[in-house]
N, C-alpha and C. Protein backbone atom coordinates (compact mmCIF):
# COMPACT_ATOMS: atom_id res chain seq x y z
N MET A 1 29.17 10.82 -16.61
CA MET A 1 28.40 9.62 -15.88
C MET A 1 27.94 8.78 -17.03
N ASP A 2 28.91 7.11 -17.09
CA ASP A 2 27.99 6.72 -17.98
C ASP A 2 26.56 6.39 -18.16
N LEU A 3 25.86 6.46 -19.11
CA LEU A 3 24.31 6.25 -19.18
C LEU A 3 24.05 5.17 -18.60
N ARG A 4 24.74 3.36 -19.50
CA ARG A 4 24.75 2.70 -18.82
C ARG A 4 24.72 2.36 -17.71
N TYR A 5 25.79 2.72 -17.14
CA TYR A 5 25.93 2.70 -15.78
C TYR A 5 25.19 3.01 -15.02
N LYS A 6 24.51 4.56 -15.25
CA LYS A 6 23.25 4.72 -14.49
C LYS A 6 21.90 3.85 -14.57
N GLY A 7 22.02 3.82 -15.89
CA GLY A 7 20.67 2.35 -16.08
C GLY A 7 21.24 1.46 -14.84
N LYS A 8 22.22 0.84 -15.14
CA LYS A 8 22.02 -0.27 -14.02
C LYS A 8 21.84 0.35 -12.29
N GLU A 9 22.57 1.69 -12.03
CA GLU A 9 22.46 1.75 -10.67
C GLU A 9 21.10 2.15 -10.43
N ASP A 10 20.31 2.75 -11.63
CA ASP A 10 18.62 2.55 -11.35
C ASP A 10 17.89 1.49 -10.80
N LEU A 11 18.16 0.49 -11.75
CA LEU A 11 17.72 -0.67 -11.06
C LEU A 11 17.89 -1.57 -9.84
N THR A 12 19.27 -1.14 -9.82
CA THR A 12 19.93 -1.89 -8.38
C THR A 12 19.20 -1.14 -7.41
N ASN A 13 19.14 0.17 -7.44
CA ASN A 13 18.37 0.99 -6.85
C ASN A 13 16.94 0.35 -6.39
N SER A 14 15.89 0.26 -7.83
CA SER A 14 14.64 -0.56 -7.29
C SER A 14 14.72 -1.73 -7.17
N VAL A 15 15.65 -2.78 -7.17
CA VAL A 15 16.03 -3.83 -7.00
C VAL A 15 15.49 -3.77 -5.22
N SER A 16 17.08 -2.60 -4.40
CA SER A 16 17.20 -2.45 -3.68
C SER A 16 15.75 -2.13 -2.95
N LEU A 17 15.04 -1.50 -2.88
CA LEU A 17 14.12 -0.88 -2.39
C LEU A 17 12.67 -1.91 -2.27
N LEU A 18 12.74 -2.78 -3.34
CA LEU A 18 11.65 -3.59 -2.89
C LEU A 18 12.04 -4.78 -1.96
N ILE A 19 13.23 -5.52 -2.14
CA ILE A 19 14.22 -6.28 -1.16
C ILE A 19 13.99 -5.44 0.08
N SER A 20 14.41 -4.22 0.74
CA SER A 20 14.38 -3.86 1.67
C SER A 20 12.62 -3.54 2.44
N ILE A 21 12.17 -3.02 1.33
CA ILE A 21 10.79 -3.35 2.08
C ILE A 21 10.35 -5.00 2.39
N LEU A 22 10.19 -5.94 1.33
CA LEU A 22 10.07 -7.19 1.92
C LEU A 22 10.74 -7.56 3.25
N ILE A 23 12.03 -7.23 3.57
CA ILE A 23 12.94 -7.66 4.99
C ILE A 23 12.18 -6.71 5.96
N ARG A 24 12.01 -5.78 6.05
CA ARG A 24 11.46 -4.68 6.68
C ARG A 24 10.11 -5.11 7.01
N TYR A 25 9.51 -5.66 6.27
CA TYR A 25 7.99 -5.56 6.57
C TYR A 25 7.82 -6.94 6.21
N PRO A 26 7.55 -8.23 7.10
CA PRO A 26 7.15 -9.59 6.48
C PRO A 26 5.64 -9.46 6.36
N GLU A 27 4.34 -8.63 6.26
CA GLU A 27 3.36 -8.85 6.26
C GLU A 27 3.35 -8.47 4.46
N VAL A 28 3.78 -7.96 4.16
CA VAL A 28 3.83 -7.81 2.80
C VAL A 28 4.52 -8.91 1.83
N ALA A 29 3.57 -9.56 1.34
CA ALA A 29 3.89 -10.86 0.94
C ALA A 29 4.22 -10.74 -0.64
N LYS A 30 4.44 -9.61 -1.42
CA LYS A 30 4.69 -9.52 -2.58
C LYS A 30 4.48 -7.99 -3.01
N ILE A 31 5.52 -7.86 -3.62
CA ILE A 31 6.02 -5.71 -4.53
C ILE A 31 6.14 -5.37 -5.50
N ASN A 32 5.43 -5.33 -6.25
CA ASN A 32 5.32 -4.66 -7.56
C ASN A 32 5.90 -3.59 -7.94
N PHE A 33 7.02 -2.97 -9.03
CA PHE A 33 6.99 -1.74 -9.65
C PHE A 33 6.84 -1.67 -10.46
N ASP A 34 5.68 -0.61 -11.13
CA ASP A 34 5.53 -0.31 -12.86
C ASP A 34 5.98 0.90 -12.94
N PRO A 35 7.03 1.04 -13.82
CA PRO A 35 7.77 2.23 -14.04
C PRO A 35 6.89 3.10 -15.19
N GLU A 36 6.22 2.66 -15.49
CA GLU A 36 5.53 3.19 -16.78
C GLU A 36 4.25 4.07 -16.22
N LYS A 37 3.55 3.60 -15.35
CA LYS A 37 2.55 4.18 -14.17
C LYS A 37 3.26 4.77 -13.17
N ASN A 38 4.47 4.53 -12.88
CA ASN A 38 5.53 5.01 -11.48
C ASN A 38 4.89 4.51 -10.49
N ILE A 39 4.20 3.32 -10.23
CA ILE A 39 3.22 3.04 -8.92
C ILE A 39 4.06 1.80 -8.24
N LEU A 40 3.97 1.64 -7.21
CA LEU A 40 3.85 0.48 -6.01
C LEU A 40 3.16 -0.16 -5.73
N LYS A 41 3.23 -1.67 -6.06
CA LYS A 41 1.82 -2.20 -5.83
C LYS A 41 2.20 -3.13 -4.54
N PHE A 42 1.66 -2.90 -3.26
CA PHE A 42 2.41 -3.77 -2.55
C PHE A 42 0.57 -4.92 -2.05
N THR A 43 1.17 -6.15 -2.26
CA THR A 43 0.56 -7.44 -1.88
C THR A 43 0.20 -7.69 -0.36
N PHE A 44 -0.92 -7.43 0.27
CA PHE A 44 -0.94 -8.58 1.24
C PHE A 44 -1.85 -9.53 1.48
N ILE A 45 -1.47 -10.51 1.98
CA ILE A 45 -2.53 -11.71 2.18
C ILE A 45 -3.34 -11.84 3.63
N HIS A 46 -4.60 -12.12 3.37
CA HIS A 46 -5.73 -12.85 4.39
C HIS A 46 -5.57 -14.21 4.14
N ALA A 47 -5.65 -14.49 5.36
CA ALA A 47 -5.66 -16.38 5.44
C ALA A 47 -7.13 -16.80 4.95
N GLY A 48 -7.75 -16.60 4.38
CA GLY A 48 -9.52 -16.98 4.28
C GLY A 48 -9.99 -16.02 3.13
N VAL A 49 -11.28 -16.68 2.87
CA VAL A 49 -11.90 -15.74 2.65
C VAL A 49 -12.77 -14.19 3.12
N MET A 50 -12.11 -13.26 2.71
CA MET A 50 -13.16 -11.96 3.10
C MET A 50 -14.39 -11.65 2.26
N THR A 51 -15.40 -11.13 3.51
CA THR A 51 -16.60 -10.74 2.61
C THR A 51 -16.64 -9.16 2.14
N GLU A 52 -17.67 -9.23 1.33
CA GLU A 52 -17.60 -7.74 1.09
C GLU A 52 -17.68 -7.09 1.52
N ALA A 53 -18.36 -6.59 2.83
CA ALA A 53 -18.60 -6.15 3.93
C ALA A 53 -17.07 -5.81 4.62
N GLU A 54 -16.56 -7.06 4.69
CA GLU A 54 -15.03 -6.60 5.52
C GLU A 54 -13.80 -5.79 4.26
N ILE A 55 -14.05 -6.32 3.25
CA ILE A 55 -13.27 -5.90 2.41
C ILE A 55 -13.75 -4.40 2.16
N ALA A 56 -15.09 -3.84 2.19
CA ALA A 56 -15.57 -2.46 2.37
C ALA A 56 -15.34 -1.69 3.19
N GLY A 57 -14.85 -2.15 4.95
CA GLY A 57 -14.32 -2.30 5.82
C GLY A 57 -12.64 -1.63 5.89
N LEU A 58 -12.11 -2.55 5.60
CA LEU A 58 -10.54 -2.56 5.06
C LEU A 58 -10.49 -1.43 4.11
N LYS A 59 -11.00 -1.24 3.19
CA LYS A 59 -10.69 -0.43 2.28
C LYS A 59 -11.33 1.10 1.96
N ASP A 60 -11.98 1.12 3.14
CA ASP A 60 -12.90 2.73 3.72
C ASP A 60 -11.85 2.78 4.76
N LYS A 61 -11.06 2.31 5.62
CA LYS A 61 -10.29 2.40 7.05
C LYS A 61 -8.99 2.67 6.05
N ALA A 62 -8.53 2.01 5.29
CA ALA A 62 -7.00 2.28 4.79
C ALA A 62 -6.88 3.37 3.56
N LEU A 63 -7.90 3.88 2.94
CA LEU A 63 -7.78 4.56 1.97
C LEU A 63 -7.73 6.19 2.85
N SER A 64 -9.02 6.19 3.65
CA SER A 64 -8.96 7.03 4.41
C SER A 64 -7.94 7.92 5.40
N SER A 65 -7.33 6.46 5.94
CA SER A 65 -6.26 6.90 6.65
C SER A 65 -4.68 7.29 5.74
N ILE A 66 -4.78 7.21 4.39
CA ILE A 66 -3.67 6.67 3.82
C ILE A 66 -4.34 9.03 3.45
N GLN A 67 -5.23 8.94 2.68
CA GLN A 67 -5.18 10.16 2.50
C GLN A 67 -5.09 11.42 3.89
N VAL A 68 -5.55 10.97 5.23
CA VAL A 68 -5.54 11.93 6.32
C VAL A 68 -3.93 12.39 6.34
N TYR A 69 -3.28 11.26 6.24
CA TYR A 69 -1.95 10.56 6.06
C TYR A 69 -1.07 11.97 5.40
N ASN A 70 -1.39 11.74 4.36
CA ASN A 70 -1.27 12.77 2.69
C ASN A 70 -1.52 14.13 3.19
N SER A 71 -2.76 14.54 3.73
CA SER A 71 -2.77 15.97 3.77
C SER A 71 -2.27 16.36 5.00
N LEU A 72 -2.07 15.80 6.34
CA LEU A 72 -1.24 16.07 7.15
C LEU A 72 -0.03 16.88 6.25
N GLU A 73 0.29 16.02 6.02
CA GLU A 73 1.70 16.20 5.28
C GLU A 73 2.02 16.85 3.78
N TYR A 74 0.93 17.60 3.79
CA TYR A 74 0.55 18.60 3.05
C TYR A 74 0.69 18.45 1.25
N LYS A 75 0.54 16.76 1.27
CA LYS A 75 1.07 16.22 -0.21
C LYS A 75 -0.32 15.85 -0.81
N ALA A 76 -0.52 15.71 -2.58
CA ALA A 76 -1.65 15.38 -2.63
C ALA A 76 -1.25 14.08 -3.49
N PRO A 77 -1.25 12.58 -3.27
CA PRO A 77 -1.07 11.69 -4.11
C PRO A 77 -2.00 11.73 -5.38
N ARG A 78 -1.60 11.15 -6.29
CA ARG A 78 -1.99 10.83 -7.71
C ARG A 78 -2.57 9.46 -8.02
N ILE A 79 -1.91 8.65 -7.01
CA ILE A 79 -2.83 7.13 -7.26
C ILE A 79 -2.76 6.46 -5.40
N ILE A 80 -3.92 6.25 -4.72
CA ILE A 80 -4.06 5.35 -4.03
C ILE A 80 -5.36 4.13 -4.40
N ASN A 81 -5.42 3.06 -4.33
CA ASN A 81 -6.11 2.38 -5.05
C ASN A 81 -5.78 0.91 -3.98
N LEU A 82 -6.98 0.18 -4.18
CA LEU A 82 -7.20 -0.59 -3.07
C LEU A 82 -8.10 -1.63 -3.84
N ASP A 83 -7.68 -2.87 -4.18
CA ASP A 83 -8.30 -4.24 -5.05
C ASP A 83 -7.91 -5.34 -4.06
N TYR A 84 -8.38 -6.12 -4.54
CA TYR A 84 -8.37 -7.24 -4.01
C TYR A 84 -8.89 -8.89 -4.54
N LYS A 85 -8.20 -9.66 -4.60
CA LYS A 85 -9.12 -11.05 -5.95
C LYS A 85 -8.41 -12.20 -4.27
N ILE A 86 -9.70 -13.14 -4.57
CA ILE A 86 -9.76 -14.75 -4.13
C ILE A 86 -9.17 -15.57 -4.53
N SER A 87 -8.75 -16.30 -4.06
CA SER A 87 -7.88 -17.45 -4.47
C SER A 87 -7.78 -18.41 -3.71
N ASP A 88 -8.12 -19.47 -4.04
CA ASP A 88 -7.67 -21.08 -2.91
C ASP A 88 -7.57 -20.71 -1.85
N GLY A 89 -8.92 -19.94 -0.98
CA GLY A 89 -9.55 -20.11 0.05
C GLY A 89 -8.61 -18.41 0.53
N PHE A 90 -7.87 -18.06 0.01
CA PHE A 90 -7.06 -16.54 0.42
C PHE A 90 -7.79 -15.46 -0.07
N THR A 91 -7.36 -14.38 0.76
CA THR A 91 -7.48 -13.13 -0.31
C THR A 91 -6.63 -12.69 -0.40
N MET A 92 -6.20 -11.79 -1.87
CA MET A 92 -4.97 -11.10 -1.79
C MET A 92 -5.56 -9.63 -2.07
N ILE A 93 -4.79 -8.72 -1.38
CA ILE A 93 -5.44 -7.25 -1.23
C ILE A 93 -4.32 -6.54 -1.51
N GLU A 94 -4.06 -6.12 -2.33
CA GLU A 94 -3.30 -5.12 -3.24
C GLU A 94 -3.30 -3.29 -3.08
N ILE A 95 -2.75 -2.73 -2.82
CA ILE A 95 -2.44 -1.25 -2.26
C ILE A 95 -1.80 -0.52 -3.35
N GLN A 96 -1.99 0.10 -3.97
CA GLN A 96 -1.22 0.76 -5.21
C GLN A 96 -1.33 2.30 -4.62
N ARG A 97 0.52 3.35 -4.83
CA ARG A 97 0.77 4.45 -4.59
C ARG A 97 1.32 4.40 -5.70
N ASP A 98 1.49 5.53 -5.81
CA ASP A 98 2.42 6.42 -6.70
C ASP A 98 3.78 6.91 -5.62
N VAL A 99 4.23 6.80 -6.93
CA VAL A 99 5.97 6.65 -6.33
C VAL A 99 6.32 7.80 -5.63
N ASP A 100 5.84 9.09 -6.69
CA ASP A 100 6.48 10.20 -6.28
C ASP A 100 5.92 11.23 -4.79
N THR A 101 4.65 10.65 -4.05
CA THR A 101 4.24 11.37 -3.41
C THR A 101 4.85 10.21 -2.07
N LEU A 102 5.15 9.12 -2.23
CA LEU A 102 5.27 8.08 -1.17
C LEU A 102 6.30 8.23 -0.29
N VAL A 103 6.00 8.10 1.05
CA VAL A 103 7.39 7.85 1.79
C VAL A 103 7.77 7.07 3.13
N GLN A 104 8.75 6.37 3.62
CA GLN A 104 8.64 5.40 4.05
C GLN A 104 7.59 5.36 5.53
N GLU A 105 7.34 6.44 5.78
CA GLU A 105 6.74 6.17 7.10
C GLU A 105 4.89 6.10 6.84
N GLU A 106 4.76 6.01 5.51
CA GLU A 106 3.57 6.07 4.57
C GLU A 106 3.42 4.53 5.06
N ILE A 107 4.16 3.67 4.20
CA ILE A 107 4.36 2.64 4.19
C ILE A 107 4.01 1.81 5.23
N ALA A 108 5.18 2.08 6.28
CA ALA A 108 5.02 1.65 7.90
C ALA A 108 3.23 2.02 8.64
N LEU A 109 2.48 3.25 8.10
CA LEU A 109 1.33 3.15 8.42
C LEU A 109 0.23 2.25 7.65
N ILE A 110 0.58 2.11 6.53
CA ILE A 110 -0.07 0.70 5.57
C ILE A 110 -0.18 -0.60 6.14
N VAL A 111 1.52 -0.79 6.33
CA VAL A 111 1.55 -2.01 7.50
C VAL A 111 0.83 -2.44 8.43
N GLU A 112 0.98 -1.21 9.25
CA GLU A 112 0.24 -0.90 10.51
C GLU A 112 -0.92 -1.54 10.79
N LEU A 113 -1.70 -0.36 9.40
CA LEU A 113 -3.36 -0.49 9.65
C LEU A 113 -3.89 -2.03 9.19
N PHE A 114 -2.96 -3.12 7.87
CA PHE A 114 -2.99 -4.08 8.14
C PHE A 114 -2.99 -5.25 8.96
N ARG A 115 -1.72 -5.33 9.80
CA ARG A 115 -1.90 -5.92 11.19
C ARG A 115 -2.87 -5.74 12.52
N GLN A 116 -3.46 -3.85 12.37
CA GLN A 116 -4.34 -3.84 12.89
C GLN A 116 -5.41 -4.80 12.43
N TYR A 117 -6.40 -4.29 11.27
CA TYR A 117 -7.43 -4.78 10.94
C TYR A 117 -7.57 -6.04 10.39
N ILE A 118 -6.18 -6.93 10.00
CA ILE A 118 -6.64 -8.35 10.05
C ILE A 118 -5.95 -9.21 10.83
N SER A 119 -5.19 -8.58 11.83
CA SER A 119 -4.35 -9.07 12.40
C SER A 119 -4.16 -10.56 12.48
N LYS A 120 -4.87 -11.68 13.31
CA LYS A 120 -4.01 -13.11 13.02
C LYS A 120 -4.60 -13.88 11.59
N ASN A 121 -5.57 -13.36 11.20
CA ASN A 121 -5.48 -13.95 9.54
C ASN A 121 -4.34 -12.93 8.34
N LEU A 122 -3.56 -12.29 9.30
CA LEU A 122 -2.64 -11.50 8.26
C LEU A 122 -1.28 -12.78 7.84
N VAL A 123 -0.95 -13.20 6.62
CA VAL A 123 -0.26 -14.20 6.34
C VAL A 123 1.33 -13.09 6.34
N THR A 124 1.87 -13.73 7.46
CA THR A 124 3.42 -13.29 7.44
C THR A 124 4.70 -14.43 7.39
N GLU A 125 5.68 -13.79 6.97
CA GLU A 125 6.53 -14.93 6.49
C GLU A 125 7.06 -14.75 8.15
N GLU A 126 7.52 -15.68 8.59
CA GLU A 126 7.94 -16.31 9.97
C GLU A 126 9.15 -15.87 9.70
N SER A 127 10.09 -15.01 10.24
CA SER A 127 11.73 -15.08 10.39
C SER A 127 12.58 -14.45 11.38
N GLU A 128 13.54 -14.41 11.21
CA GLU A 128 14.14 -13.87 12.25
C GLU A 128 13.94 -12.23 12.54
N GLN A 129 13.17 -12.01 14.26
CA GLN A 129 13.04 -10.69 14.34
C GLN A 129 14.42 -9.81 14.13
N LEU A 130 14.11 -8.67 13.65
CA LEU A 130 15.06 -7.58 13.68
C LEU A 130 15.17 -6.72 14.42
N VAL A 131 16.74 -6.59 15.49
CA VAL A 131 16.74 -5.71 16.54
C VAL A 131 16.63 -4.30 16.01
N GLU A 132 16.09 -3.14 17.01
CA GLU A 132 15.16 -1.72 17.03
C GLU A 132 16.19 -1.11 16.02
N GLU A 133 17.17 -1.05 16.00
CA GLU A 133 19.06 -0.93 15.68
C GLU A 133 18.25 -1.41 14.07
N ASP A 134 18.25 -2.41 13.97
CA ASP A 134 18.63 -2.91 12.31
C ASP A 134 16.88 -2.87 11.82
N LEU A 135 15.70 -2.14 12.49
CA LEU A 135 14.60 -1.45 11.68
C LEU A 135 14.97 -0.15 11.45
N GLU A 136 15.73 0.45 12.18
CA GLU A 136 15.78 1.52 12.00
C GLU A 136 16.57 2.02 10.74
N VAL A 137 17.56 1.16 10.71
CA VAL A 137 18.98 1.36 9.36
C VAL A 137 17.86 0.87 8.04
N GLN A 138 16.97 -0.23 8.53
CA GLN A 138 15.86 -0.75 7.24
C GLN A 138 14.88 0.55 6.48
N ASP A 139 14.59 1.14 7.69
CA ASP A 139 13.94 2.37 7.44
C ASP A 139 14.17 3.36 6.82
N GLU A 140 15.65 3.80 6.79
CA GLU A 140 16.21 4.81 6.40
C GLU A 140 16.97 4.42 4.99
N LEU A 141 17.25 3.42 4.94
CA LEU A 141 17.76 2.51 3.46
C LEU A 141 16.32 2.43 2.62
N ILE A 142 15.38 2.12 3.32
CA ILE A 142 13.86 2.54 2.50
C ILE A 142 13.44 3.88 2.05
N GLU A 143 13.90 4.70 2.45
CA GLU A 143 13.64 5.95 2.79
C GLU A 143 14.43 6.48 1.48
N HIS A 144 15.67 6.25 1.68
CA HIS A 144 16.79 6.30 0.46
C HIS A 144 16.54 6.22 -1.05
N MET A 145 16.14 4.84 -0.65
CA MET A 145 15.77 4.16 -2.04
C MET A 145 14.83 4.94 -2.39
N LEU A 146 13.84 5.05 -1.91
CA LEU A 146 11.87 5.93 -2.72
C LEU A 146 12.70 6.98 -3.22
N GLU A 147 13.62 7.82 -2.70
CA GLU A 147 13.84 8.98 -3.01
C GLU A 147 14.74 8.79 -4.27
N SER A 148 15.80 7.70 -4.37
CA SER A 148 16.55 7.36 -5.80
C SER A 148 15.44 7.05 -6.66
N VAL A 149 14.67 5.99 -6.57
CA VAL A 149 13.58 5.35 -7.35
C VAL A 149 12.78 6.81 -7.98
N LYS A 150 12.68 7.75 -7.21
CA LYS A 150 11.71 8.98 -7.92
C LYS A 150 12.38 10.10 -8.59
N MET A 151 13.76 9.81 -8.88
CA MET A 151 14.65 10.69 -9.55
C MET A 151 15.51 9.52 -10.86
N LYS A 152 14.59 8.66 -11.24
CA LYS A 152 15.18 7.56 -11.67
C LYS A 152 14.79 7.31 -13.37
N ALA A 153 15.81 6.96 -13.84
CA ALA A 153 15.43 6.66 -15.48
C ALA A 153 14.98 5.83 -15.63
N GLU A 154 14.61 4.48 -15.01
CA GLU A 154 14.56 2.81 -15.17
C GLU A 154 13.34 3.09 -15.59
N ASN A 155 13.22 1.88 -16.28
CA ASN A 155 12.19 1.10 -16.86
C ASN A 155 11.65 -0.29 -16.77
N LYS A 156 12.65 -0.79 -16.15
CA LYS A 156 11.83 -2.44 -16.07
C LYS A 156 10.84 -2.41 -14.93
N ARG A 157 9.94 -3.54 -15.41
CA ARG A 157 9.33 -3.43 -14.52
C ARG A 157 9.82 -4.52 -13.12
N LEU A 158 9.06 -4.47 -12.39
CA LEU A 158 9.97 -5.60 -11.23
C LEU A 158 8.98 -5.96 -10.03
N TYR A 159 8.85 -7.60 -9.89
CA TYR A 159 8.15 -8.00 -8.91
C TYR A 159 9.09 -8.38 -8.12
N ALA A 160 8.54 -9.09 -7.07
CA ALA A 160 9.13 -9.41 -5.74
C ALA A 160 8.92 -9.60 -4.46
N PHE A 161 9.19 -11.28 -4.16
CA PHE A 161 8.12 -12.05 -3.91
C PHE A 161 9.03 -12.58 -2.54
N ARG A 162 7.90 -13.51 -1.41
CA ARG A 162 9.07 -13.89 -0.66
C ARG A 162 8.77 -15.85 -1.30
N GLU A 163 9.76 -16.59 -0.71
CA GLU A 163 9.70 -17.82 -0.99
C GLU A 163 10.94 -18.64 -0.06
N GLU A 164 10.07 -19.52 0.59
CA GLU A 164 10.75 -20.21 1.54
C GLU A 164 12.17 -19.39 2.56
N GLY A 165 11.59 -18.30 2.51
CA GLY A 165 12.57 -17.82 3.63
C GLY A 165 13.81 -16.93 2.72
N ARG A 166 13.48 -16.91 1.19
CA ARG A 166 14.22 -15.70 0.35
C ARG A 166 13.20 -14.99 -0.19
N VAL A 167 13.70 -13.64 -0.68
CA VAL A 167 13.14 -12.51 -1.10
C VAL A 167 13.93 -12.71 -2.89
N LEU A 168 12.90 -13.36 -3.50
CA LEU A 168 13.15 -13.05 -5.06
C LEU A 168 12.64 -11.80 -5.86
N VAL A 169 13.58 -11.46 -6.89
CA VAL A 169 13.22 -10.25 -7.37
C VAL A 169 13.40 -10.67 -8.84
N PHE A 170 12.56 -10.44 -10.13
CA PHE A 170 12.24 -10.64 -11.36
C PHE A 170 12.02 -9.60 -11.76
N ASN A 171 12.39 -8.92 -13.12
CA ASN A 171 12.19 -8.01 -14.13
C ASN A 171 10.75 -8.69 -14.91
N LYS A 172 9.70 -7.98 -15.48
CA LYS A 172 9.07 -8.64 -16.02
C LYS A 172 9.08 -8.18 -17.39
């Protein structure tokens, strides 16, 4: 296989992964892929300023849930981190996960945790609701792209976010 083609295929898989996650989960505001650290960073937005206690509660619940899920799957994640930033009356919450141990089911767990914990204050992109069959196809695509990215030779930092109903992907 031509190495130039292989690099483009890896980039395509990485881009497809980010796009698929944003399409499947409108609660994810943006997603970054850092190939040097081999981590995905999921950003959720809370419509308002969260208190230290609220953030500590969310962090405890999210990190312990992710750790329990991984222990049940007999995996030892390298990176599980939650960070936040407050800006313009919003709280941006970022979950960092290493790609090597991440699976689609864990992404679904993370999103569901945010749906339940933040609920009405979780900023989501209003879009057409995917039907159940489309959701299953997106889940399978995410799992396939995750596996492809795990075996990649890709070295481009990617950044994807939503804007006016579109998903935009850039390399940094």
